[in-house]
């Protein structure tokens, strides 16, 4: 994989660059990993 699963990689202050988006259920791109 070109990006890790559980590490948070941000794009600016509000957006995220990979799947991880902070603690909680699988949302957004995390659902592909799930």
ModelCIF file with pLDDT and N, C-alpha, C, O atoms, coordinates in Angstrom:
data_MODEL
#
_entry.id   MODEL 
#
_entity.id                         1 
_entity.type                       polymer 
_entity.pdbx_number_of_molecules   1 
#
_entity_poly.entity_id                      1 
_entity_poly.type                           'polypeptide(L)' 
_entity_poly.nstd_linkage                   no 
_entity_poly.nstd_monomer                   no 
_entity_poly.pdbx_seq_one_letter_code       
;(UNK)(UNK)(UNK)(UNK)(UNK)(UNK)(UNK)(UNK)(UNK)(UNK)(UNK)(UNK)(UNK)(UNK)(UNK)(UNK)
(UNK)(UNK)(UNK)(UNK)(UNK)(UNK)(UNK)(UNK)(UNK)(UNK)(UNK)(UNK)(UNK)(UNK)(UNK)(UNK)
(UNK)(UNK)
;
_entity_poly.pdbx_seq_one_letter_code_can   XXXXXXXXXXXXXXXXXXXXXXXXXXXXXXXXXX 
_entity_poly.pdbx_strand_id                 A 
#
loop_
_entity_poly_seq.entity_id 
_entity_poly_seq.num 
_entity_poly_seq.mon_id 
_entity_poly_seq.hetero 
1 1  UNK n 
1 2  UNK n 
1 3  UNK n 
1 4  UNK n 
1 5  UNK n 
1 6  UNK n 
1 7  UNK n 
1 8  UNK n 
1 9  UNK n 
1 10 UNK n 
1 11 UNK n 
1 12 UNK n 
1 13 UNK n 
1 14 UNK n 
1 15 UNK n 
1 16 UNK n 
1 17 UNK n 
1 18 UNK n 
1 19 UNK n 
1 20 UNK n 
1 21 UNK n 
1 22 UNK n 
1 23 UNK n 
1 24 UNK n 
1 25 UNK n 
1 26 UNK n 
1 27 UNK n 
1 28 UNK n 
1 29 UNK n 
1 30 UNK n 
1 31 UNK n 
1 32 UNK n 
1 33 UNK n 
1 34 UNK n 
#
_struct_asym.id          A 
_struct_asym.entity_id   1 
#
loop_
_ma_qa_metric.id 
_ma_qa_metric.mode 
_ma_qa_metric.name 
_ma_qa_metric.software_group_id 
_ma_qa_metric.type 
1 global pLDDT . pLDDT 
2 local  pLDDT . pLDDT 
#
_ma_qa_metric_global.metric_id      1 
_ma_qa_metric_global.metric_value   95.71 
_ma_qa_metric_global.model_id       1 
_ma_qa_metric_global.ordinal_id     1 
#
loop_
_ma_qa_metric_local.label_asym_id 
_ma_qa_metric_local.label_comp_id 
_ma_qa_metric_local.label_seq_id 
_ma_qa_metric_local.metric_id 
_ma_qa_metric_local.metric_value 
_ma_qa_metric_local.model_id 
_ma_qa_metric_local.ordinal_id 
A UNK 1  2 98.00 1 1  
A UNK 2  2 96.00 1 2  
A UNK 3  2 97.00 1 3  
A UNK 4  2 97.00 1 4  
A UNK 5  2 98.00 1 5  
A UNK 6  2 96.00 1 6  
A UNK 7  2 96.00 1 7  
A UNK 8  2 96.00 1 8  
A UNK 9  2 95.00 1 9  
A UNK 10 2 94.00 1 10 
A UNK 11 2 95.00 1 11 
A UNK 12 2 93.00 1 12 
A UNK 13 2 92.00 1 13 
A UNK 14 2 95.00 1 14 
A UNK 15 2 96.00 1 15 
A UNK 16 2 96.00 1 16 
A UNK 17 2 94.00 1 17 
A UNK 18 2 94.00 1 18 
A UNK 19 2 94.00 1 19 
A UNK 20 2 96.00 1 20 
A UNK 21 2 94.00 1 21 
A UNK 22 2 92.00 1 22 
A UNK 23 2 93.00 1 23 
A UNK 24 2 94.00 1 24 
A UNK 25 2 96.00 1 25 
A UNK 26 2 97.00 1 26 
A UNK 27 2 97.00 1 27 
A UNK 28 2 97.00 1 28 
A UNK 29 2 97.00 1 29 
A UNK 30 2 97.00 1 30 
A UNK 31 2 98.00 1 31 
A UNK 32 2 98.00 1 32 
A UNK 33 2 98.00 1 33 
A UNK 34 2 98.00 1 34 
#
loop_
_atom_site.group_PDB 
_atom_site.id 
_atom_site.type_symbol 
_atom_site.label_atom_id 
_atom_site.label_alt_id 
_atom_site.label_comp_id 
_atom_site.label_asym_id 
_atom_site.label_entity_id 
_atom_site.label_seq_id 
_atom_site.pdbx_PDB_ins_code 
_atom_site.Cartn_x 
_atom_site.Cartn_y 
_atom_site.Cartn_z 
_atom_site.occupancy 
_atom_site.B_iso_or_equiv 
_atom_site.pdbx_formal_charge 
_atom_site.auth_seq_id 
_atom_site.auth_comp_id 
_atom_site.auth_asym_id 
_atom_site.auth_atom_id 
_atom_site.pdbx_PDB_model_num 
ATOM 1   N N  . UNK A 1 1  ? 0.846   -1.189 0.000  1.00 98.00 ? 1  UNK A N  1 
ATOM 2   C CA . UNK A 1 1  ? 0.000   0.000  0.000  1.00 98.00 ? 1  UNK A CA 1 
ATOM 3   C C  . UNK A 1 1  ? 0.882   1.239  0.000  1.00 98.00 ? 1  UNK A C  1 
ATOM 4   O O  . UNK A 1 1  ? 1.919   1.270  0.663  1.00 98.00 ? 1  UNK A O  1 
ATOM 5   N N  . UNK A 1 2  ? 0.469   2.265  -0.746 1.00 96.00 ? 2  UNK A N  1 
ATOM 6   C CA . UNK A 1 2  ? 1.282   3.483  -0.752 1.00 96.00 ? 2  UNK A CA 1 
ATOM 7   C C  . UNK A 1 2  ? 0.988   4.391  0.430  1.00 96.00 ? 2  UNK A C  1 
ATOM 8   O O  . UNK A 1 2  ? 1.657   5.410  0.601  1.00 96.00 ? 2  UNK A O  1 
ATOM 9   N N  . UNK A 1 3  ? -0.014  4.038  1.265  1.00 97.00 ? 3  UNK A N  1 
ATOM 10  C CA . UNK A 1 3  ? -0.283  4.801  2.474  1.00 97.00 ? 3  UNK A CA 1 
ATOM 11  C C  . UNK A 1 3  ? -0.648  3.853  3.610  1.00 97.00 ? 3  UNK A C  1 
ATOM 12  O O  . UNK A 1 3  ? -1.253  2.809  3.369  1.00 97.00 ? 3  UNK A O  1 
ATOM 13  N N  . UNK A 1 4  ? -0.287  4.203  4.856  1.00 97.00 ? 4  UNK A N  1 
ATOM 14  C CA . UNK A 1 4  ? -0.652  3.357  5.998  1.00 97.00 ? 4  UNK A CA 1 
ATOM 15  C C  . UNK A 1 4  ? -2.131  3.457  6.327  1.00 97.00 ? 4  UNK A C  1 
ATOM 16  O O  . UNK A 1 4  ? -2.823  4.370  5.879  1.00 97.00 ? 4  UNK A O  1 
ATOM 17  N N  . UNK A 1 5  ? -2.602  2.500  7.119  1.00 98.00 ? 5  UNK A N  1 
ATOM 18  C CA . UNK A 1 5  ? -4.037  2.405  7.431  1.00 98.00 ? 5  UNK A CA 1 
ATOM 19  C C  . UNK A 1 5  ? -4.425  3.280  8.614  1.00 98.00 ? 5  UNK A C  1 
ATOM 20  O O  . UNK A 1 5  ? -5.344  4.091  8.505  1.00 98.00 ? 5  UNK A O  1 
ATOM 21  N N  . UNK A 1 6  ? -3.743  3.129  9.736  1.00 96.00 ? 6  UNK A N  1 
ATOM 22  C CA . UNK A 1 6  ? -4.192  3.751  10.975 1.00 96.00 ? 6  UNK A CA 1 
ATOM 23  C C  . UNK A 1 6  ? -3.477  5.023  11.371 1.00 96.00 ? 6  UNK A C  1 
ATOM 24  O O  . UNK A 1 6  ? -3.826  5.627  12.385 1.00 96.00 ? 6  UNK A O  1 
ATOM 25  N N  . UNK A 1 7  ? -2.481  5.452  10.601 1.00 96.00 ? 7  UNK A N  1 
ATOM 26  C CA . UNK A 1 7  ? -1.804  6.724  10.870 1.00 96.00 ? 7  UNK A CA 1 
ATOM 27  C C  . UNK A 1 7  ? -2.612  7.866  10.268 1.00 96.00 ? 7  UNK A C  1 
ATOM 28  O O  . UNK A 1 7  ? -3.101  7.761  9.144  1.00 96.00 ? 7  UNK A O  1 
ATOM 29  N N  . UNK A 1 8  ? -2.749  8.933  11.002 1.00 96.00 ? 8  UNK A N  1 
ATOM 30  C CA . UNK A 1 8  ? -3.480  10.093 10.501 1.00 96.00 ? 8  UNK A CA 1 
ATOM 31  C C  . UNK A 1 8  ? -2.543  10.959 9.658  1.00 96.00 ? 8  UNK A C  1 
ATOM 32  O O  . UNK A 1 8  ? -1.495  11.397 10.133 1.00 96.00 ? 8  UNK A O  1 
ATOM 33  N N  . UNK A 1 9  ? -2.929  11.197 8.413  1.00 95.00 ? 9  UNK A N  1 
ATOM 34  C CA . UNK A 1 9  ? -2.185  12.065 7.507  1.00 95.00 ? 9  UNK A CA 1 
ATOM 35  C C  . UNK A 1 9  ? -3.136  13.164 7.059  1.00 95.00 ? 9  UNK A C  1 
ATOM 36  O O  . UNK A 1 9  ? -4.106  12.895 6.350  1.00 95.00 ? 9  UNK A O  1 
ATOM 37  N N  . UNK A 1 10 ? -2.869  14.381 7.461  1.00 94.00 ? 10 UNK A N  1 
ATOM 38  C CA . UNK A 1 10 ? -3.788  15.488 7.222  1.00 94.00 ? 10 UNK A CA 1 
ATOM 39  C C  . UNK A 1 10 ? -3.465  16.218 5.911  1.00 94.00 ? 10 UNK A C  1 
ATOM 40  O O  . UNK A 1 10 ? -2.337  16.194 5.419  1.00 94.00 ? 10 UNK A O  1 
ATOM 41  N N  . UNK A 1 11 ? -4.488  16.858 5.376  1.00 95.00 ? 11 UNK A N  1 
ATOM 42  C CA . UNK A 1 11 ? -4.328  17.762 4.243  1.00 95.00 ? 11 UNK A CA 1 
ATOM 43  C C  . UNK A 1 11 ? -4.926  19.096 4.662  1.00 95.00 ? 11 UNK A C  1 
ATOM 44  O O  . UNK A 1 11 ? -6.116  19.345 4.468  1.00 95.00 ? 11 UNK A O  1 
ATOM 45  N N  . UNK A 1 12 ? -4.089  19.948 5.237  1.00 93.00 ? 12 UNK A N  1 
ATOM 46  C CA . UNK A 1 12 ? -4.585  21.198 5.807  1.00 93.00 ? 12 UNK A CA 1 
ATOM 47  C C  . UNK A 1 12 ? -5.160  20.973 7.195  1.00 93.00 ? 12 UNK A C  1 
ATOM 48  O O  . UNK A 1 12 ? -4.879  19.956 7.829  1.00 93.00 ? 12 UNK A O  1 
ATOM 49  N N  . UNK A 1 13 ? -5.958  21.912 7.665  1.00 92.00 ? 13 UNK A N  1 
ATOM 50  C CA . UNK A 1 13 ? -6.470  21.872 9.027  1.00 92.00 ? 13 UNK A CA 1 
ATOM 51  C C  . UNK A 1 13 ? -7.689  20.982 9.182  1.00 92.00 ? 13 UNK A C  1 
ATOM 52  O O  . UNK A 1 13 ? -7.904  20.421 10.257 1.00 92.00 ? 13 UNK A O  1 
ATOM 53  N N  . UNK A 1 14 ? -8.501  20.836 8.127  1.00 95.00 ? 14 UNK A N  1 
ATOM 54  C CA . UNK A 1 14 ? -9.782  20.148 8.265  1.00 95.00 ? 14 UNK A CA 1 
ATOM 55  C C  . UNK A 1 14 ? -9.866  18.846 7.473  1.00 95.00 ? 14 UNK A C  1 
ATOM 56  O O  . UNK A 1 14 ? -10.652 17.965 7.821  1.00 95.00 ? 14 UNK A O  1 
ATOM 57  N N  . UNK A 1 15 ? -9.079  18.712 6.427  1.00 96.00 ? 15 UNK A N  1 
ATOM 58  C CA . UNK A 1 15 ? -9.215  17.563 5.540  1.00 96.00 ? 15 UNK A CA 1 
ATOM 59  C C  . UNK A 1 15 ? -8.167  16.495 5.837  1.00 96.00 ? 15 UNK A C  1 
ATOM 60  O O  . UNK A 1 15 ? -7.158  16.752 6.494  1.00 96.00 ? 15 UNK A O  1 
ATOM 61  N N  . UNK A 1 16 ? -8.433  15.302 5.338  1.00 96.00 ? 16 UNK A N  1 
ATOM 62  C CA . UNK A 1 16 ? -7.536  14.176 5.553  1.00 96.00 ? 16 UNK A CA 1 
ATOM 63  C C  . UNK A 1 16 ? -7.073  13.615 4.213  1.00 96.00 ? 16 UNK A C  1 
ATOM 64  O O  . UNK A 1 16 ? -7.775  13.689 3.205  1.00 96.00 ? 16 UNK A O  1 
ATOM 65  N N  . UNK A 1 17 ? -5.871  13.053 4.238  1.00 94.00 ? 17 UNK A N  1 
ATOM 66  C CA . UNK A 1 17 ? -5.214  12.629 3.012  1.00 94.00 ? 17 UNK A CA 1 
ATOM 67  C C  . UNK A 1 17 ? -5.304  11.130 2.772  1.00 94.00 ? 17 UNK A C  1 
ATOM 68  O O  . UNK A 1 17 ? -5.326  10.682 1.626  1.00 94.00 ? 17 UNK A O  1 
ATOM 69  N N  . UNK A 1 18 ? -5.354  10.360 3.840  1.00 94.00 ? 18 UNK A N  1 
ATOM 70  C CA . UNK A 1 18 ? -5.489  8.907  3.661  1.00 94.00 ? 18 UNK A CA 1 
ATOM 71  C C  . UNK A 1 18 ? -6.849  8.474  4.223  1.00 94.00 ? 18 UNK A C  1 
ATOM 72  O O  . UNK A 1 18 ? -7.796  9.260  4.232  1.00 94.00 ? 18 UNK A O  1 
ATOM 73  N N  . UNK A 1 19 ? -6.943  7.230  4.688  1.00 94.00 ? 19 UNK A N  1 
ATOM 74  C CA . UNK A 1 19 ? -8.215  6.754  5.207  1.00 94.00 ? 19 UNK A CA 1 
ATOM 75  C C  . UNK A 1 19 ? -8.495  7.223  6.618  1.00 94.00 ? 19 UNK A C  1 
ATOM 76  O O  . UNK A 1 19 ? -9.629  7.573  6.944  1.00 94.00 ? 19 UNK A O  1 
ATOM 77  N N  . UNK A 1 20 ? -7.468  7.236  7.463  1.00 96.00 ? 20 UNK A N  1 
ATOM 78  C CA . UNK A 1 20 ? -7.654  7.560  8.876  1.00 96.00 ? 20 UNK A CA 1 
ATOM 79  C C  . UNK A 1 20 ? -8.153  8.995  9.040  1.00 96.00 ? 20 UNK A C  1 
ATOM 80  O O  . UNK A 1 20 ? -7.656  9.921  8.398  1.00 96.00 ? 20 UNK A O  1 
ATOM 81  N N  . UNK A 1 21 ? -9.156  9.157  9.923  1.00 94.00 ? 21 UNK A N  1 
ATOM 82  C CA . UNK A 1 21 ? -9.776  10.474 10.101 1.00 94.00 ? 21 UNK A CA 1 
ATOM 83  C C  . UNK A 1 21 ? -10.024 10.811 11.569 1.00 94.00 ? 21 UNK A C  1 
ATOM 84  O O  . UNK A 1 21 ? -10.785 11.729 11.872 1.00 94.00 ? 21 UNK A O  1 
ATOM 85  N N  . UNK A 1 22 ? -9.395  10.084 12.471 1.00 92.00 ? 22 UNK A N  1 
ATOM 86  C CA . UNK A 1 22 ? -9.637  10.290 13.892 1.00 92.00 ? 22 UNK A CA 1 
ATOM 87  C C  . UNK A 1 22 ? -10.453 9.143  14.461 1.00 92.00 ? 22 UNK A C  1 
ATOM 88  O O  . UNK A 1 22 ? -11.060 8.376  13.714 1.00 92.00 ? 22 UNK A O  1 
ATOM 89  N N  . UNK A 1 23 ? -10.469 9.025  15.776 1.00 93.00 ? 23 UNK A N  1 
ATOM 90  C CA . UNK A 1 23 ? -11.135 7.900  16.430 1.00 93.00 ? 23 UNK A CA 1 
ATOM 91  C C  . UNK A 1 23 ? -12.616 7.836  16.083 1.00 93.00 ? 23 UNK A C  1 
ATOM 92  O O  . UNK A 1 23 ? -13.281 8.855  15.898 1.00 93.00 ? 23 UNK A O  1 
ATOM 93  N N  . UNK A 1 24 ? -13.111 6.598  16.000 1.00 94.00 ? 24 UNK A N  1 
ATOM 94  C CA . UNK A 1 24 ? -14.537 6.416  15.762 1.00 94.00 ? 24 UNK A CA 1 
ATOM 95  C C  . UNK A 1 24 ? -14.808 5.318  14.754 1.00 94.00 ? 24 UNK A C  1 
ATOM 96  O O  . UNK A 1 24 ? -13.894 4.585  14.376 1.00 94.00 ? 24 UNK A O  1 
ATOM 97  N N  . UNK A 1 25 ? -16.052 5.194  14.311 1.00 96.00 ? 25 UNK A N  1 
ATOM 98  C CA . UNK A 1 25 ? -16.427 4.136  13.374 1.00 96.00 ? 25 UNK A CA 1 
ATOM 99  C C  . UNK A 1 25 ? -15.825 4.386  11.992 1.00 96.00 ? 25 UNK A C  1 
ATOM 100 O O  . UNK A 1 25 ? -15.248 5.441  11.728 1.00 96.00 ? 25 UNK A O  1 
ATOM 101 N N  . UNK A 1 26 ? -15.975 3.390  11.120 1.00 97.00 ? 26 UNK A N  1 
ATOM 102 C CA . UNK A 1 26 ? -15.451 3.506  9.761  1.00 97.00 ? 26 UNK A CA 1 
ATOM 103 C C  . UNK A 1 26 ? -16.330 4.462  8.957  1.00 97.00 ? 26 UNK A C  1 
ATOM 104 O O  . UNK A 1 26 ? -17.496 4.181  8.681  1.00 97.00 ? 26 UNK A O  1 
ATOM 105 N N  . UNK A 1 27 ? -15.733 5.609  8.587  1.00 97.00 ? 27 UNK A N  1 
ATOM 106 C CA . UNK A 1 27 ? -16.435 6.621  7.807  1.00 97.00 ? 27 UNK A CA 1 
ATOM 107 C C  . UNK A 1 27 ? -15.575 6.998  6.601  1.00 97.00 ? 27 UNK A C  1 
ATOM 108 O O  . UNK A 1 27 ? -14.373 6.731  6.571  1.00 97.00 ? 27 UNK A O  1 
ATOM 109 N N  . UNK A 1 28 ? -16.205 7.616  5.618  1.00 97.00 ? 28 UNK A N  1 
ATOM 110 C CA . UNK A 1 28 ? -15.466 8.103  4.466  1.00 97.00 ? 28 UNK A CA 1 
ATOM 111 C C  . UNK A 1 28 ? -14.646 7.011  3.804  1.00 97.00 ? 28 UNK A C  1 
ATOM 112 O O  . UNK A 1 28 ? -15.139 5.913  3.548  1.00 97.00 ? 28 UNK A O  1 
ATOM 113 N N  . UNK A 1 29 ? -13.396 7.327  3.532  1.00 97.00 ? 29 UNK A N  1 
ATOM 114 C CA . UNK A 1 29 ? -12.509 6.380  2.847  1.00 97.00 ? 29 UNK A CA 1 
ATOM 115 C C  . UNK A 1 29 ? -12.227 5.137  3.682  1.00 97.00 ? 29 UNK A C  1 
ATOM 116 O O  . UNK A 1 29 ? -11.870 4.094  3.135  1.00 97.00 ? 29 UNK A O  1 
ATOM 117 N N  . UNK A 1 30 ? -12.382 5.236  4.989  1.00 97.00 ? 30 UNK A N  1 
ATOM 118 C CA . UNK A 1 30 ? -12.146 4.062  5.836  1.00 97.00 ? 30 UNK A CA 1 
ATOM 119 C C  . UNK A 1 30 ? -13.044 2.891  5.444  1.00 97.00 ? 30 UNK A C  1 
ATOM 120 O O  . UNK A 1 30 ? -12.711 1.737  5.714  1.00 97.00 ? 30 UNK A O  1 
ATOM 121 N N  . UNK A 1 31 ? -14.174 3.180  4.813  1.00 98.00 ? 31 UNK A N  1 
ATOM 122 C CA . UNK A 1 31 ? -15.091 2.087  4.490  1.00 98.00 ? 31 UNK A CA 1 
ATOM 123 C C  . UNK A 1 31 ? -14.521 1.166  3.413  1.00 98.00 ? 31 UNK A C  1 
ATOM 124 O O  . UNK A 1 31 ? -14.863 -0.016 3.378  1.00 98.00 ? 31 UNK A O  1 
ATOM 125 N N  . UNK A 1 32 ? -13.661 1.679  2.536  1.00 98.00 ? 32 UNK A N  1 
ATOM 126 C CA . UNK A 1 32 ? -12.977 0.801  1.579  1.00 98.00 ? 32 UNK A CA 1 
ATOM 127 C C  . UNK A 1 32 ? -12.056 -0.168 2.306  1.00 98.00 ? 32 UNK A C  1 
ATOM 128 O O  . UNK A 1 32 ? -12.003 -1.353 1.978  1.00 98.00 ? 32 UNK A O  1 
ATOM 129 N N  . UNK A 1 33 ? -11.326 0.349  3.303  1.00 98.00 ? 33 UNK A N  1 
ATOM 130 C CA . UNK A 1 33 ? -10.420 -0.512 4.073  1.00 98.00 ? 33 UNK A CA 1 
ATOM 131 C C  . UNK A 1 33 ? -11.234 -1.538 4.869  1.00 98.00 ? 33 UNK A C  1 
ATOM 132 O O  . UNK A 1 33 ? -10.871 -2.712 4.932  1.00 98.00 ? 33 UNK A O  1 
ATOM 133 N N  . UNK A 1 34 ? -12.329 -1.087 5.470  1.00 98.00 ? 34 UNK A N  1 
ATOM 134 C CA . UNK A 1 34 ? -13.193 -2.011 6.211  1.00 98.00 ? 34 UNK A CA 1 
ATOM 135 C C  . UNK A 1 34 ? -13.726 -3.109 5.310  1.00 98.00 ? 34 UNK A C  1 
ATOM 136 O O  . UNK A 1 34 ? -14.471 -3.976 5.768  1.00 98.00 ? 34 UNK A O  1 
#
